Every structure is written in C-alpha cells, then in structure tokens.
Amino acid sequence: MNVDTELKYLHKQIRKHAPSLEAEDYRQISKNGADAGWNGFIYYNDTCKFFDNNEEPIMNYYYGVCEDYGYKNVFDMFAKNEDATTMDEFRNWATWGILEAVAREFYDSGQ
C-alpha cells in the first residue's frame, strides 16, 4: 500500500478508536499537536493500544515517509526527532504522529 492508502485506512481506525473527536478537534490537533491531550490519545495505555491494533498500516505509512525524507528507516527517523528510550515511548510517538498526519490531511484541507 502507499502512504495515502495507509492514511485513509488509519483515518477510519482513529474514528473508531476515538469517536467523540469532531472536525474542530482535528483542526486543533493539526494546529497544536497530538500531545495537547485528545480523547483516546492521552495516556500510553490509549496510544499503545491504538498502535498495537494498527501496527502494520502505521509502520507502512512511516516506511513511505522515511523514503520521502531520506531516513534509513523508521527508527532512524524516530531517533533523530525524539529523545525517547522505550518501546512505549516509540509507540506513543508513532501514534501521535499518525493522529497529526490524519488531522493535517483530512481536516486542514476542509474535507
């Protein structure tokens, strides 16, 4: 699958995971980031569960991003952008990144 296909799929998964998020929430996520605290994506328990349930499409999305931006792999990108040391921190970072990518792609453009 390509990055756009993965992102469309993950958009649906996010809506299932956190159905209370509304269009304005996504616009705010796009502006302020996922770490501002959004229903379903606040605690590691939430973000790690989302990652575990969607690991393959999340990783496929990031593999595409890595190719686009010249990173060797997802962990190279993670290490250059985050100061984290545990798998939970990685899964949290990856999940927040997906939430922000979905917010930018589907809500910044007014879709």
C-alpha atoms as a PDB file:
ATOM      1  CA  MET A   1       0.000   0.000   0.000  1.00  0.00           C
ATOM      2  CA  ASN A   2       1.077   3.573  -0.483  1.00  0.00           C
ATOM      3  CA  VAL A   3       1.193   6.351   2.092  1.00  0.00           C
ATOM      4  CA  ASP A   4      -2.154   7.851   1.019  1.00  0.00           C
ATOM      5  CA  THR A   5      -3.929   4.492   1.202  1.00  0.00           C
ATOM      6  CA  GLU A   6      -2.493   3.791   4.649  1.00  0.00           C
ATOM      7  CA  LEU A   7      -3.510   7.233   5.885  1.00  0.00           C
ATOM      8  CA  LYS A   8      -7.094   6.769   4.666  1.00  0.00           C
ATOM      9  CA  TYR A   9      -7.284   3.437   6.461  1.00  0.00           C
ATOM     10  CA  LEU A  10      -5.781   4.910   9.648  1.00  0.00           C
ATOM     11  CA  HIS A  11      -8.253   7.800   9.492  1.00  0.00           C
ATOM     12  CA  LYS A  12     -11.071   5.258   9.765  1.00  0.00           C
ATOM     13  CA  GLN A  13      -9.287   3.472  12.604  1.00  0.00           C
ATOM     14  CA  ILE A  14      -8.835   6.720  14.530  1.00  0.00           C
ATOM     15  CA  ARG A  15     -12.522   7.499  14.158  1.00  0.00           C
ATOM     16  CA  LYS A  16     -13.356   4.038  15.558  1.00  0.00           C
ATOM     17  CA  HIS A  17     -10.851   4.419  18.406  1.00  0.00           C
ATOM     18  CA  ALA A  18     -11.995   7.912  19.421  1.00  0.00           C
ATOM     19  CA  PRO A  19     -15.483   8.525  18.017  1.00  0.00           C
ATOM     20  CA  SER A  20     -16.003  11.610  20.175  1.00  0.00           C
ATOM     21  CA  LEU A  21     -13.362  13.580  18.245  1.00  0.00           C
ATOM     22  CA  GLU A  22     -15.037  16.105  15.952  1.00  0.00           C
ATOM     23  CA  ALA A  23     -13.803  18.045  12.929  1.00  0.00           C
ATOM     24  CA  GLU A  24     -12.833  21.031  15.098  1.00  0.00           C
ATOM     25  CA  ASP A  25     -10.793  18.742  17.353  1.00  0.00           C
ATOM     26  CA  TYR A  26      -8.839  17.520  14.334  1.00  0.00           C
ATOM     27  CA  ARG A  27      -8.221  21.086  13.202  1.00  0.00           C
ATOM     28  CA  GLN A  28      -6.886  21.857  16.676  1.00  0.00           C
ATOM     29  CA  ILE A  29      -4.719  18.727  16.594  1.00  0.00           C
ATOM     30  CA  SER A  30      -3.310  19.931  13.296  1.00  0.00           C
ATOM     31  CA  LYS A  31      -2.518  23.340  14.821  1.00  0.00           C
ATOM     32  CA  ASN A  32      -1.403  22.344  18.322  1.00  0.00           C
ATOM     33  CA  GLY A  33      -0.218  18.748  18.034  1.00  0.00           C
ATOM     34  CA  ALA A  34      -1.423  15.475  19.444  1.00  0.00           C
ATOM     35  CA  ASP A  35       0.431  15.984  22.720  1.00  0.00           C
ATOM     36  CA  ALA A  36      -2.056  18.693  23.718  1.00  0.00           C
ATOM     37  CA  GLY A  37      -4.266  15.893  25.082  1.00  0.00           C
ATOM     38  CA  TRP A  38      -7.077  14.479  22.949  1.00  0.00           C
ATOM     39  CA  ASN A  39      -9.695  11.953  23.941  1.00  0.00           C
ATOM     40  CA  GLY A  40      -8.456   8.442  23.206  1.00  0.00           C
ATOM     41  CA  PHE A  41      -4.855   9.605  22.735  1.00  0.00           C
ATOM     42  CA  ILE A  42      -3.840  10.968  26.137  1.00  0.00           C
ATOM     43  CA  TYR A  43      -2.346   8.052  28.047  1.00  0.00           C
ATOM     44  CA  TYR A  44       0.214   5.479  26.934  1.00  0.00           C
ATOM     45  CA  ASN A  45      -2.460   2.884  27.586  1.00  0.00           C
ATOM     46  CA  ASP A  46      -4.546   4.512  24.822  1.00  0.00           C
ATOM     47  CA  THR A  47      -1.777   5.273  22.353  1.00  0.00           C
ATOM     48  CA  CYS A  48      -0.042   1.921  22.725  1.00  0.00           C
ATOM     49  CA  LYS A  49      -3.344   0.083  22.282  1.00  0.00           C
ATOM     50  CA  PHE A  50      -4.015   2.031  19.083  1.00  0.00           C
ATOM     51  CA  PHE A  51      -0.502   1.267  17.830  1.00  0.00           C
ATOM     52  CA  ASP A  52      -0.786  -2.437  18.659  1.00  0.00           C
ATOM     53  CA  ASN A  53      -4.136  -2.689  16.872  1.00  0.00           C
ATOM     54  CA  ASN A  54      -2.772  -0.887  13.795  1.00  0.00           C
ATOM     55  CA  GLU A  55       0.944  -1.656  13.759  1.00  0.00           C
ATOM     56  CA  GLU A  56       1.188  -2.803  10.144  1.00  0.00           C
ATOM     57  CA  PRO A  57      -0.505   0.208   8.491  1.00  0.00           C
ATOM     58  CA  ILE A  58       1.271   2.607  10.872  1.00  0.00           C
ATOM     59  CA  MET A  59       4.664   1.159  10.040  1.00  0.00           C
ATOM     60  CA  ASN A  60       3.842   1.057   6.312  1.00  0.00           C
ATOM     61  CA  TYR A  61       2.931   4.746   6.480  1.00  0.00           C
ATOM     62  CA  TYR A  62       6.204   5.597   8.213  1.00  0.00           C
ATOM     63  CA  TYR A  63       8.256   3.497   5.770  1.00  0.00           C
ATOM     64  CA  GLY A  64       6.864   5.690   2.996  1.00  0.00           C
ATOM     65  CA  VAL A  65       7.609   8.869   4.932  1.00  0.00           C
ATOM     66  CA  CYS A  66      11.167   7.667   5.566  1.00  0.00           C
ATOM     67  CA  GLU A  67      11.698   7.162   1.840  1.00  0.00           C
ATOM     68  CA  ASP A  68      10.318  10.634   1.095  1.00  0.00           C
ATOM     69  CA  TYR A  69      12.565  12.347   3.652  1.00  0.00           C
ATOM     70  CA  GLY A  70      15.727  10.281   3.289  1.00  0.00           C
ATOM     71  CA  TYR A  71      15.743   8.432   6.600  1.00  0.00           C
ATOM     72  CA  LYS A  72      17.260   4.936   6.635  1.00  0.00           C
ATOM     73  CA  ASN A  73      14.248   3.507   8.468  1.00  0.00           C
ATOM     74  CA  VAL A  74      11.549   4.358  10.995  1.00  0.00           C
ATOM     75  CA  PHE A  75      13.878   4.004  13.966  1.00  0.00           C
ATOM     76  CA  ASP A  76      16.402   6.344  12.351  1.00  0.00           C
ATOM     77  CA  MET A  77      13.634   8.938  11.926  1.00  0.00           C
ATOM     78  CA  PHE A  78      12.456   8.385  15.493  1.00  0.00           C
ATOM     79  CA  ALA A  79      15.963   8.713  16.950  1.00  0.00           C
ATOM     80  CA  LYS A  80      16.609  11.964  15.079  1.00  0.00           C
ATOM     81  CA  ASN A  81      13.339  13.536  16.189  1.00  0.00           C
ATOM     82  CA  GLU A  82      12.719  12.244  19.703  1.00  0.00           C
ATOM     83  CA  ASP A  83      14.629  11.726  22.904  1.00  0.00           C
ATOM     84  CA  ALA A  84      12.906   8.524  23.980  1.00  0.00           C
ATOM     85  CA  THR A  85      14.255   5.187  25.094  1.00  0.00           C
ATOM     86  CA  THR A  86      11.388   2.707  25.478  1.00  0.00           C
ATOM     87  CA  MET A  87       9.075   0.878  23.113  1.00  0.00           C
ATOM     88  CA  ASP A  88       6.071   2.521  24.791  1.00  0.00           C
ATOM     89  CA  GLU A  89       7.580   5.921  24.018  1.00  0.00           C
ATOM     90  CA  PHE A  90       8.105   4.829  20.411  1.00  0.00           C
ATOM     91  CA  ARG A  91       4.527   3.537  20.086  1.00  0.00           C
ATOM     92  CA  ASN A  92       3.205   6.743  21.643  1.00  0.00           C
ATOM     93  CA  TRP A  93       5.291   8.901  19.262  1.00  0.00           C
ATOM     94  CA  ALA A  94       4.196   6.838  16.246  1.00  0.00           C
ATOM     95  CA  THR A  95       0.523   7.055  17.226  1.00  0.00           C
ATOM     96  CA  TRP A  96       0.621  10.800  17.847  1.00  0.00           C
ATOM     97  CA  GLY A  97       2.372  11.269  14.515  1.00  0.00           C
ATOM     98  CA  ILE A  98      -0.400   9.376  12.747  1.00  0.00           C
ATOM     99  CA  LEU A  99      -3.078  11.390  14.538  1.00  0.00           C
ATOM    100  CA  GLU A 100      -1.374  14.619  13.455  1.00  0.00           C
ATOM    101  CA  ALA A 101      -0.911  13.381   9.869  1.00  0.00           C
ATOM    102  CA  VAL A 102      -4.601  12.484   9.635  1.00  0.00           C
ATOM    103  CA  ALA A 103      -5.581  15.844  11.088  1.00  0.00           C
ATOM    104  CA  ARG A 104      -3.440  17.705   8.537  1.00  0.00           C
ATOM    105  CA  GLU A 105      -4.507  15.586   5.583  1.00  0.00           C
ATOM    106  CA  PHE A 106      -8.249  15.369   6.156  1.00  0.00           C
ATOM    107  CA  TYR A 107      -9.130  18.444   8.204  1.00  0.00           C
ATOM    108  CA  ASP A 108      -6.744  21.234   7.227  1.00  0.00           C
ATOM    109  CA  SER A 109      -7.962  20.985   3.649  1.00  0.00           C
ATOM    110  CA  GLY A 110     -11.584  21.279   4.745  1.00  0.00           C
ATOM    111  CA  GLN A 111     -12.542  17.693   3.874  1.00  0.00           C
END
